[in-house]
């Protein structure tokens, strides 16, 4: 698995509510609700930190889960959000604001 960087899309509106993120797509006004683990990934998605670092520091450190399994699940999750236009995913750091 190669390094992946994730960043929040600029085409969304998001609010934290009771430890979970409510996200609305500006494309089509679709509303998404991220659970606690999804919210941890979302909040750490700064474009400069690898997905593996995010998972290791924010998920494995808090929950009893193997890094490899958590990383596979996290990659599937971020790929799904990428397909919905909620996250941007790259093999290089994401530094632009677009």
N, C-alpha and C. Protein backbone atom coordinates (compact mmCIF):
# COMPACT_ATOMS: atom_id res chain seq x y z
N UNK A 1 0.85 -1.17 0.00
CA UNK A 1 0.00 0.00 0.00
C UNK A 1 0.90 1.24 0.00
N UNK A 2 0.74 2.12 -0.97
CA UNK A 2 1.56 3.32 -1.02
C UNK A 2 0.98 4.41 -0.13
N UNK A 3 1.79 5.40 0.17
CA UNK A 3 1.34 6.47 1.03
C UNK A 3 0.20 7.24 0.38
N UNK A 4 -0.79 7.55 1.19
CA UNK A 4 -1.91 8.37 0.73
C UNK A 4 -2.03 9.58 1.63
N UNK A 5 -2.33 10.70 1.02
CA UNK A 5 -2.60 11.94 1.75
C UNK A 5 -4.07 12.27 1.52
N UNK A 6 -4.72 12.79 2.53
CA UNK A 6 -6.13 13.13 2.40
C UNK A 6 -6.36 14.57 2.87
N UNK A 7 -7.27 15.24 2.18
CA UNK A 7 -7.63 16.61 2.53
C UNK A 7 -9.14 16.76 2.36
N UNK A 8 -9.71 17.60 3.17
CA UNK A 8 -11.15 17.88 3.05
C UNK A 8 -11.40 18.69 1.78
N UNK A 9 -12.47 18.39 1.11
CA UNK A 9 -12.86 19.13 -0.08
C UNK A 9 -13.30 20.54 0.32
N UNK A 10 -13.09 21.47 -0.58
CA UNK A 10 -13.56 22.84 -0.37
C UNK A 10 -15.01 23.00 -0.83
N UNK A 11 -15.59 21.94 -1.39
CA UNK A 11 -16.96 22.00 -1.93
C UNK A 11 -17.98 21.40 -0.97
N UNK A 12 -17.75 21.59 0.33
CA UNK A 12 -18.66 21.03 1.32
C UNK A 12 -18.86 22.05 2.45
N UNK A 13 -19.89 21.81 3.23
CA UNK A 13 -20.10 22.52 4.50
C UNK A 13 -20.15 21.45 5.57
N UNK A 14 -19.51 21.70 6.71
CA UNK A 14 -19.45 20.66 7.75
C UNK A 14 -19.61 21.28 9.13
N UNK A 15 -20.26 20.52 10.01
CA UNK A 15 -20.45 20.91 11.41
C UNK A 15 -20.32 19.68 12.29
N UNK A 16 -19.67 19.86 13.44
CA UNK A 16 -19.60 18.79 14.43
C UNK A 16 -20.89 18.84 15.27
N UNK A 17 -21.45 17.66 15.53
CA UNK A 17 -22.67 17.55 16.32
C UNK A 17 -22.58 16.29 17.16
N UNK A 18 -22.47 16.43 18.46
CA UNK A 18 -22.37 15.29 19.38
C UNK A 18 -21.25 14.33 19.00
N UNK A 19 -20.08 14.86 18.65
CA UNK A 19 -18.92 14.02 18.34
C UNK A 19 -18.91 13.42 16.95
N UNK A 20 -19.87 13.76 16.14
CA UNK A 20 -19.94 13.27 14.77
C UNK A 20 -20.01 14.45 13.82
N UNK A 21 -19.57 14.24 12.58
CA UNK A 21 -19.59 15.31 11.58
C UNK A 21 -20.81 15.17 10.68
N UNK A 22 -21.47 16.28 10.49
CA UNK A 22 -22.55 16.39 9.50
C UNK A 22 -21.94 17.17 8.34
N UNK A 23 -22.00 16.59 7.15
CA UNK A 23 -21.37 17.19 5.98
C UNK A 23 -22.40 17.32 4.87
N UNK A 24 -22.44 18.50 4.25
CA UNK A 24 -23.34 18.71 3.12
C UNK A 24 -22.51 19.03 1.88
N UNK A 25 -22.79 18.31 0.82
CA UNK A 25 -22.11 18.53 -0.44
C UNK A 25 -22.67 19.77 -1.12
N UNK A 26 -21.79 20.66 -1.55
CA UNK A 26 -22.22 21.85 -2.29
C UNK A 26 -22.64 21.48 -3.71
N UNK A 27 -22.20 20.32 -4.19
CA UNK A 27 -22.55 19.88 -5.55
C UNK A 27 -24.05 19.65 -5.70
N UNK A 28 -24.61 18.89 -4.73
CA UNK A 28 -26.01 18.50 -4.88
C UNK A 28 -26.81 18.55 -3.58
N UNK A 29 -26.26 19.20 -2.56
CA UNK A 29 -26.91 19.36 -1.25
C UNK A 29 -27.16 18.05 -0.52
N UNK A 30 -26.45 16.99 -0.89
CA UNK A 30 -26.57 15.71 -0.20
C UNK A 30 -25.96 15.84 1.19
N UNK A 31 -26.62 15.27 2.19
CA UNK A 31 -26.16 15.33 3.57
C UNK A 31 -25.55 14.00 3.98
N UNK A 32 -24.39 14.05 4.62
CA UNK A 32 -23.69 12.86 5.09
C UNK A 32 -23.42 12.99 6.58
N UNK A 33 -23.45 11.87 7.27
CA UNK A 33 -23.16 11.83 8.69
C UNK A 33 -22.00 10.86 8.92
N UNK A 34 -20.90 11.36 9.48
CA UNK A 34 -19.75 10.50 9.76
C UNK A 34 -19.80 10.05 11.21
N UNK A 35 -19.55 8.77 11.44
CA UNK A 35 -19.50 8.26 12.81
C UNK A 35 -18.23 8.75 13.50
N UNK A 36 -18.01 8.30 14.72
CA UNK A 36 -16.87 8.76 15.51
C UNK A 36 -15.53 8.51 14.84
N UNK A 37 -15.34 7.31 14.28
CA UNK A 37 -14.07 7.01 13.62
C UNK A 37 -13.90 7.80 12.33
N UNK A 38 -14.97 7.91 11.57
CA UNK A 38 -14.92 8.71 10.36
C UNK A 38 -14.61 10.17 10.67
N UNK A 39 -15.17 10.65 11.77
CA UNK A 39 -14.92 12.02 12.20
C UNK A 39 -13.45 12.23 12.57
N UNK A 40 -12.83 11.23 13.23
CA UNK A 40 -11.41 11.34 13.57
C UNK A 40 -10.57 11.48 12.31
N UNK A 41 -10.87 10.69 11.29
CA UNK A 41 -10.13 10.78 10.04
C UNK A 41 -10.40 12.12 9.37
N UNK A 42 -11.64 12.52 9.32
CA UNK A 42 -12.05 13.78 8.70
C UNK A 42 -11.30 14.96 9.33
N UNK A 43 -11.29 15.02 10.64
CA UNK A 43 -10.67 16.14 11.33
C UNK A 43 -9.16 16.20 11.11
N UNK A 44 -8.53 15.05 10.92
CA UNK A 44 -7.08 14.99 10.72
C UNK A 44 -6.68 15.14 9.26
N UNK A 45 -7.63 15.17 8.35
CA UNK A 45 -7.35 15.22 6.91
C UNK A 45 -6.90 16.61 6.50
N UNK A 46 -5.60 16.88 6.69
CA UNK A 46 -5.06 18.21 6.43
C UNK A 46 -4.27 18.30 5.13
N UNK A 47 -4.15 17.19 4.41
CA UNK A 47 -3.41 17.18 3.15
C UNK A 47 -1.92 17.00 3.31
N UNK A 48 -1.40 17.18 4.53
CA UNK A 48 0.04 17.08 4.79
C UNK A 48 0.40 15.81 5.56
N UNK A 49 -0.58 15.20 6.19
CA UNK A 49 -0.36 14.01 7.01
C UNK A 49 -0.82 12.78 6.24
N UNK A 50 -0.01 11.72 6.26
CA UNK A 50 -0.40 10.52 5.54
C UNK A 50 -1.57 9.83 6.25
N UNK A 51 -2.31 9.07 5.49
CA UNK A 51 -3.41 8.32 6.07
C UNK A 51 -2.89 7.35 7.13
N UNK A 52 -1.73 6.75 6.88
CA UNK A 52 -1.17 5.82 7.87
C UNK A 52 -0.88 6.53 9.19
N UNK A 53 -0.34 7.74 9.14
CA UNK A 53 -0.09 8.51 10.36
C UNK A 53 -1.39 8.84 11.08
N UNK A 54 -2.39 9.22 10.32
CA UNK A 54 -3.70 9.53 10.90
C UNK A 54 -4.26 8.32 11.63
N UNK A 55 -4.23 7.18 10.96
CA UNK A 55 -4.77 5.96 11.55
C UNK A 55 -3.97 5.55 12.78
N UNK A 56 -2.66 5.59 12.68
CA UNK A 56 -1.82 5.17 13.81
C UNK A 56 -2.01 6.07 15.02
N UNK A 57 -2.03 7.38 14.81
CA UNK A 57 -2.11 8.33 15.93
C UNK A 57 -3.52 8.53 16.47
N UNK A 58 -4.53 8.45 15.60
CA UNK A 58 -5.88 8.79 16.02
C UNK A 58 -6.80 7.60 16.23
N UNK A 59 -6.50 6.48 15.60
CA UNK A 59 -7.39 5.32 15.74
C UNK A 59 -6.72 4.22 16.54
N UNK A 60 -5.55 3.79 16.11
CA UNK A 60 -4.87 2.70 16.82
C UNK A 60 -4.49 3.10 18.25
N UNK A 61 -4.17 4.36 18.44
CA UNK A 61 -3.81 4.83 19.78
C UNK A 61 -5.00 4.85 20.73
N UNK A 62 -6.20 4.97 20.19
CA UNK A 62 -7.40 5.06 21.01
C UNK A 62 -8.21 3.77 21.08
N UNK A 63 -8.11 2.94 20.07
CA UNK A 63 -8.91 1.72 19.98
C UNK A 63 -8.00 0.52 19.83
N UNK A 64 -8.42 -0.60 20.31
CA UNK A 64 -7.63 -1.82 20.18
C UNK A 64 -7.86 -2.43 18.80
N UNK A 65 -7.02 -2.01 17.86
CA UNK A 65 -7.14 -2.48 16.49
C UNK A 65 -5.74 -2.55 15.89
N UNK A 66 -5.52 -3.56 15.07
CA UNK A 66 -4.24 -3.73 14.39
C UNK A 66 -4.09 -2.64 13.33
N UNK A 67 -2.88 -2.11 13.19
CA UNK A 67 -2.64 -1.04 12.24
C UNK A 67 -3.02 -1.43 10.82
N UNK A 68 -2.60 -2.61 10.37
CA UNK A 68 -2.87 -3.00 8.99
C UNK A 68 -4.36 -3.08 8.69
N UNK A 69 -5.13 -3.67 9.59
CA UNK A 69 -6.58 -3.78 9.38
C UNK A 69 -7.24 -2.41 9.40
N UNK A 70 -6.83 -1.58 10.37
CA UNK A 70 -7.40 -0.24 10.47
C UNK A 70 -7.05 0.58 9.23
N UNK A 71 -5.85 0.42 8.72
CA UNK A 71 -5.43 1.15 7.54
C UNK A 71 -6.20 0.72 6.29
N UNK A 72 -6.43 -0.57 6.14
CA UNK A 72 -7.23 -1.06 5.01
C UNK A 72 -8.65 -0.51 5.08
N UNK A 73 -9.25 -0.53 6.26
CA UNK A 73 -10.60 0.01 6.43
C UNK A 73 -10.63 1.51 6.16
N UNK A 74 -9.62 2.22 6.66
CA UNK A 74 -9.55 3.67 6.46
C UNK A 74 -9.39 4.02 4.99
N UNK A 75 -8.57 3.24 4.27
CA UNK A 75 -8.40 3.53 2.85
C UNK A 75 -9.72 3.32 2.10
N UNK A 76 -10.44 2.27 2.40
CA UNK A 76 -11.74 2.06 1.76
C UNK A 76 -12.68 3.22 2.07
N UNK A 77 -12.65 3.68 3.31
CA UNK A 77 -13.50 4.79 3.74
C UNK A 77 -13.15 6.08 2.99
N UNK A 78 -11.86 6.43 2.93
CA UNK A 78 -11.49 7.69 2.27
C UNK A 78 -11.72 7.60 0.76
N UNK A 79 -11.57 6.42 0.19
CA UNK A 79 -11.87 6.27 -1.25
C UNK A 79 -13.36 6.48 -1.52
N UNK A 80 -14.19 5.99 -0.61
CA UNK A 80 -15.64 6.21 -0.75
C UNK A 80 -15.97 7.69 -0.67
N UNK A 81 -15.37 8.38 0.31
CA UNK A 81 -15.62 9.82 0.44
C UNK A 81 -15.03 10.61 -0.72
N UNK A 82 -13.94 10.12 -1.27
CA UNK A 82 -13.37 10.75 -2.46
C UNK A 82 -14.36 10.66 -3.62
N UNK A 83 -14.97 9.51 -3.79
CA UNK A 83 -15.96 9.32 -4.85
C UNK A 83 -17.18 10.20 -4.71
N UNK A 84 -17.47 10.59 -3.47
CA UNK A 84 -18.60 11.47 -3.21
C UNK A 84 -18.22 12.95 -3.26
N UNK A 85 -16.93 13.22 -3.47
CA UNK A 85 -16.47 14.60 -3.53
C UNK A 85 -16.28 15.25 -2.17
N UNK A 86 -16.20 14.46 -1.12
CA UNK A 86 -16.08 14.98 0.24
C UNK A 86 -14.62 15.09 0.67
N UNK A 87 -13.79 14.15 0.24
CA UNK A 87 -12.36 14.18 0.53
C UNK A 87 -11.58 14.16 -0.77
N UNK A 88 -10.38 14.70 -0.71
CA UNK A 88 -9.43 14.60 -1.82
C UNK A 88 -8.34 13.64 -1.39
N UNK A 89 -7.91 12.76 -2.26
CA UNK A 89 -6.90 11.75 -1.96
C UNK A 89 -5.80 11.85 -3.00
N UNK A 90 -4.54 11.78 -2.54
CA UNK A 90 -3.40 11.90 -3.44
C UNK A 90 -2.24 11.06 -2.91
N UNK A 91 -1.31 10.72 -3.80
CA UNK A 91 -0.09 10.03 -3.39
C UNK A 91 1.00 11.03 -3.02
N UNK A 92 0.68 12.32 -3.08
CA UNK A 92 1.60 13.38 -2.71
C UNK A 92 0.85 14.33 -1.76
N UNK A 93 1.58 15.07 -0.93
CA UNK A 93 0.90 16.04 -0.08
C UNK A 93 0.02 16.98 -0.89
N UNK A 94 -1.11 17.33 -0.34
CA UNK A 94 -2.08 18.21 -0.99
C UNK A 94 -1.91 19.58 -0.37
N UNK A 95 -1.36 20.51 -1.14
CA UNK A 95 -1.03 21.82 -0.58
C UNK A 95 -1.91 22.95 -1.10
N UNK A 96 -2.60 22.75 -2.19
CA UNK A 96 -3.42 23.83 -2.74
C UNK A 96 -4.77 23.89 -2.04
N UNK A 97 -5.41 25.00 -2.10
CA UNK A 97 -6.68 25.20 -1.42
C UNK A 97 -7.89 24.87 -2.29
N UNK A 98 -7.66 24.42 -3.51
CA UNK A 98 -8.80 24.14 -4.40
C UNK A 98 -9.29 22.73 -4.28
